């Protein structure tokens, strides 16, 4: 088991929550809806970081949204995100979220770290 420390960079405000989906299942990235083994978290945006204390070794991908208004979802306008979003390894997101393979990273050893850069369109 490993500890994963995640830092969120370039948050535009400390309002609301950071909502997290961490999964090893490519079919459930980025939403984690049908993945019983996924780690889903909500942490205060003011915190700007979080830790997953006991994670099995393997390949994972991380999706993060900045739910500024705290309504529990990513607000969009005409399909374009109105709130911040980010992914592990910070791949480009063109016309939708990146594929699992573009965001995947390995967890091995006793601890790991990821930095996720938030992006805002509006």
C-alpha atoms as a PDB file:
ATOM      1  CA  UNK A   1       0.000   0.000   0.000  1.00  0.00           C
ATOM      2  CA  UNK A   2       1.134   3.528  -0.738  1.00  0.00           C
ATOM      3  CA  UNK A   3       0.231   7.055   0.270  1.00  0.00           C
ATOM      4  CA  UNK A   4      -0.564   9.483  -2.557  1.00  0.00           C
ATOM      5  CA  UNK A   5      -0.211  13.227  -1.958  1.00  0.00           C
ATOM      6  CA  UNK A   6      -2.000  15.447  -4.486  1.00  0.00           C
ATOM      7  CA  UNK A   7      -1.504  19.203  -4.836  1.00  0.00           C
ATOM      8  CA  UNK A   8      -3.925  21.337  -6.845  1.00  0.00           C
ATOM      9  CA  UNK A   9      -2.251  24.238  -8.669  1.00  0.00           C
ATOM     10  CA  UNK A  10      -3.797  27.415 -10.143  1.00  0.00           C
ATOM     11  CA  UNK A  11      -7.117  27.407  -8.295  1.00  0.00           C
ATOM     12  CA  UNK A  12      -8.773  30.727  -9.099  1.00  0.00           C
ATOM     13  CA  UNK A  13     -10.525  30.967  -5.726  1.00  0.00           C
ATOM     14  CA  UNK A  14     -10.839  29.259  -2.356  1.00  0.00           C
ATOM     15  CA  UNK A  15     -14.630  29.025  -2.738  1.00  0.00           C
ATOM     16  CA  UNK A  16     -16.442  25.710  -2.889  1.00  0.00           C
ATOM     17  CA  UNK A  17     -15.062  22.205  -3.068  1.00  0.00           C
ATOM     18  CA  UNK A  18     -12.517  20.170  -4.953  1.00  0.00           C
ATOM     19  CA  UNK A  19     -14.237  16.991  -6.178  1.00  0.00           C
ATOM     20  CA  UNK A  20     -11.941  14.089  -6.960  1.00  0.00           C
ATOM     21  CA  UNK A  21     -12.192  10.856  -8.949  1.00  0.00           C
ATOM     22  CA  UNK A  22      -9.214   8.471  -8.690  1.00  0.00           C
ATOM     23  CA  UNK A  23      -9.610   5.233 -10.628  1.00  0.00           C
ATOM     24  CA  UNK A  24      -7.616   2.340 -12.047  1.00  0.00           C
ATOM     25  CA  UNK A  25     -10.462   1.456 -14.436  1.00  0.00           C
ATOM     26  CA  UNK A  26     -10.191   3.106 -17.874  1.00  0.00           C
ATOM     27  CA  UNK A  27     -13.912   2.538 -18.507  1.00  0.00           C
ATOM     28  CA  UNK A  28     -14.800   4.679 -15.475  1.00  0.00           C
ATOM     29  CA  UNK A  29     -12.509   7.622 -16.150  1.00  0.00           C
ATOM     30  CA  UNK A  30     -13.160  10.497 -15.546  1.00  0.00           C
ATOM     31  CA  UNK A  31     -16.459  10.031 -13.695  1.00  0.00           C
ATOM     32  CA  UNK A  32     -15.921   6.989 -11.391  1.00  0.00           C
ATOM     33  CA  UNK A  33     -19.673   6.298 -11.581  1.00  0.00           C
ATOM     34  CA  UNK A  34     -19.632   2.487 -11.812  1.00  0.00           C
ATOM     35  CA  UNK A  35     -16.276   1.776 -10.164  1.00  0.00           C
ATOM     36  CA  UNK A  36     -16.689   0.328  -6.671  1.00  0.00           C
ATOM     37  CA  UNK A  37     -12.904   0.530  -6.158  1.00  0.00           C
ATOM     38  CA  UNK A  38     -12.594   4.198  -7.134  1.00  0.00           C
ATOM     39  CA  UNK A  39     -11.598   6.806  -4.590  1.00  0.00           C
ATOM     40  CA  UNK A  40     -13.958   9.774  -4.602  1.00  0.00           C
ATOM     41  CA  UNK A  41     -13.358  12.735  -2.324  1.00  0.00           C
ATOM     42  CA  UNK A  42     -14.629  16.233  -1.715  1.00  0.00           C
ATOM     43  CA  UNK A  43     -12.235  18.606   0.031  1.00  0.00           C
ATOM     44  CA  UNK A  44     -12.487  22.355   0.687  1.00  0.00           C
ATOM     45  CA  UNK A  45     -10.959  24.335  -2.187  1.00  0.00           C
ATOM     46  CA  UNK A  46      -9.128  26.485   0.347  1.00  0.00           C
ATOM     47  CA  UNK A  47      -7.144  23.388   1.320  1.00  0.00           C
ATOM     48  CA  UNK A  48      -5.655  22.994  -2.176  1.00  0.00           C
ATOM     49  CA  UNK A  49      -4.286  19.517  -1.453  1.00  0.00           C
ATOM     50  CA  UNK A  50      -5.338  16.114  -0.226  1.00  0.00           C
ATOM     51  CA  UNK A  51      -3.898  12.703   0.612  1.00  0.00           C
ATOM     52  CA  UNK A  52      -5.092   9.206  -0.219  1.00  0.00           C
ATOM     53  CA  UNK A  53      -3.562   7.251   2.690  1.00  0.00           C
ATOM     54  CA  UNK A  54      -3.802   3.602   1.570  1.00  0.00           C
ATOM     55  CA  UNK A  55      -3.667   2.981  -2.166  1.00  0.00           C
ATOM     56  CA  UNK A  56      -2.754  -0.315  -3.794  1.00  0.00           C
ATOM     57  CA  UNK A  57       0.147  -0.299  -6.223  1.00  0.00           C
ATOM     58  CA  UNK A  58      -0.917   0.022  -9.845  1.00  0.00           C
ATOM     59  CA  UNK A  59      -1.848   2.422 -12.629  1.00  0.00           C
ATOM     60  CA  UNK A  60      -4.359   5.181 -11.878  1.00  0.00           C
ATOM     61  CA  UNK A  61      -5.815   8.334 -13.398  1.00  0.00           C
ATOM     62  CA  UNK A  62      -7.106  11.321 -11.481  1.00  0.00           C
ATOM     63  CA  UNK A  63      -9.858  13.772 -12.493  1.00  0.00           C
ATOM     64  CA  UNK A  64     -10.587  16.905 -10.445  1.00  0.00           C
ATOM     65  CA  UNK A  65     -13.263  19.580 -10.686  1.00  0.00           C
ATOM     66  CA  UNK A  66     -13.454  22.862  -8.801  1.00  0.00           C
ATOM     67  CA  UNK A  67     -17.094  22.937  -7.730  1.00  0.00           C
ATOM     68  CA  UNK A  68     -17.068  26.622  -6.825  1.00  0.00           C
ATOM     69  CA  UNK A  69     -20.788  26.883  -6.073  1.00  0.00           C
ATOM     70  CA  UNK A  70     -20.935  23.570  -4.177  1.00  0.00           C
ATOM     71  CA  UNK A  71     -23.823  22.105  -6.182  1.00  0.00           C
ATOM     72  CA  UNK A  72     -22.180  18.683  -6.541  1.00  0.00           C
ATOM     73  CA  UNK A  73     -21.532  18.762 -10.282  1.00  0.00           C
ATOM     74  CA  UNK A  74     -19.445  20.401 -13.011  1.00  0.00           C
ATOM     75  CA  UNK A  75     -21.507  23.285 -14.370  1.00  0.00           C
ATOM     76  CA  UNK A  76     -21.403  23.689 -18.157  1.00  0.00           C
ATOM     77  CA  UNK A  77     -22.741  26.042 -20.805  1.00  0.00           C
ATOM     78  CA  UNK A  78     -23.373  24.442 -24.215  1.00  0.00           C
ATOM     79  CA  UNK A  79     -21.174  21.533 -23.081  1.00  0.00           C
ATOM     80  CA  UNK A  80     -18.258  23.799 -22.125  1.00  0.00           C
ATOM     81  CA  UNK A  81     -17.164  23.668 -18.456  1.00  0.00           C
ATOM     82  CA  UNK A  82     -17.970  26.846 -16.496  1.00  0.00           C
ATOM     83  CA  UNK A  83     -15.960  25.613 -13.504  1.00  0.00           C
ATOM     84  CA  UNK A  84     -12.365  24.474 -13.250  1.00  0.00           C
ATOM     85  CA  UNK A  85     -11.157  21.004 -14.130  1.00  0.00           C
ATOM     86  CA  UNK A  86      -7.865  19.136 -14.192  1.00  0.00           C
ATOM     87  CA  UNK A  87      -6.293  15.709 -14.630  1.00  0.00           C
ATOM     88  CA  UNK A  88      -3.238  13.831 -13.450  1.00  0.00           C
ATOM     89  CA  UNK A  89      -0.180  14.394 -15.656  1.00  0.00           C
ATOM     90  CA  UNK A  90      -1.941  17.557 -16.948  1.00  0.00           C
ATOM     91  CA  UNK A  91      -2.711  16.372 -20.505  1.00  0.00           C
ATOM     92  CA  UNK A  92      -4.398  18.650 -23.003  1.00  0.00           C
ATOM     93  CA  UNK A  93      -8.187  18.332 -22.993  1.00  0.00           C
ATOM     94  CA  UNK A  94      -9.495  18.917 -26.496  1.00  0.00           C
ATOM     95  CA  UNK A  95     -13.201  18.434 -27.180  1.00  0.00           C
ATOM     96  CA  UNK A  96     -13.794  16.506 -23.973  1.00  0.00           C
ATOM     97  CA  UNK A  97     -11.713  14.880 -21.275  1.00  0.00           C
ATOM     98  CA  UNK A  98      -8.447  13.126 -22.114  1.00  0.00           C
ATOM     99  CA  UNK A  99      -8.245   9.359 -22.371  1.00  0.00           C
ATOM    100  CA  UNK A 100      -7.243   7.323 -19.331  1.00  0.00           C
ATOM    101  CA  UNK A 101      -3.869   6.548 -20.939  1.00  0.00           C
ATOM    102  CA  UNK A 102      -3.022  10.270 -21.215  1.00  0.00           C
ATOM    103  CA  UNK A 103      -3.710  10.862 -17.513  1.00  0.00           C
ATOM    104  CA  UNK A 104      -2.459   7.588 -16.061  1.00  0.00           C
ATOM    105  CA  UNK A 105       0.388   7.404 -13.580  1.00  0.00           C
ATOM    106  CA  UNK A 106       1.974   4.610 -11.567  1.00  0.00           C
ATOM    107  CA  UNK A 107       1.713   4.181  -7.820  1.00  0.00           C
ATOM    108  CA  UNK A 108       4.618   2.114  -6.510  1.00  0.00           C
ATOM    109  CA  UNK A 109       6.709   2.127  -3.373  1.00  0.00           C
ATOM    110  CA  UNK A 110       5.534   3.672  -0.121  1.00  0.00           C
ATOM    111  CA  UNK A 111       4.437   7.089  -1.369  1.00  0.00           C
ATOM    112  CA  UNK A 112       3.715   9.062  -4.493  1.00  0.00           C
ATOM    113  CA  UNK A 113       2.841  12.608  -5.477  1.00  0.00           C
ATOM    114  CA  UNK A 114       0.825  14.244  -8.246  1.00  0.00           C
ATOM    115  CA  UNK A 115       0.302  17.905  -9.140  1.00  0.00           C
ATOM    116  CA  UNK A 116      -2.904  18.778 -10.963  1.00  0.00           C
ATOM    117  CA  UNK A 117      -3.145  22.131 -12.779  1.00  0.00           C
ATOM    118  CA  UNK A 118      -6.663  23.533 -12.838  1.00  0.00           C
ATOM    119  CA  UNK A 119      -7.988  24.962 -16.099  1.00  0.00           C
ATOM    120  CA  UNK A 120     -10.780  27.463 -16.512  1.00  0.00           C
ATOM    121  CA  UNK A 121     -12.475  28.396 -19.776  1.00  0.00           C
ATOM    122  CA  UNK A 122     -14.884  31.043 -18.447  1.00  0.00           C
END
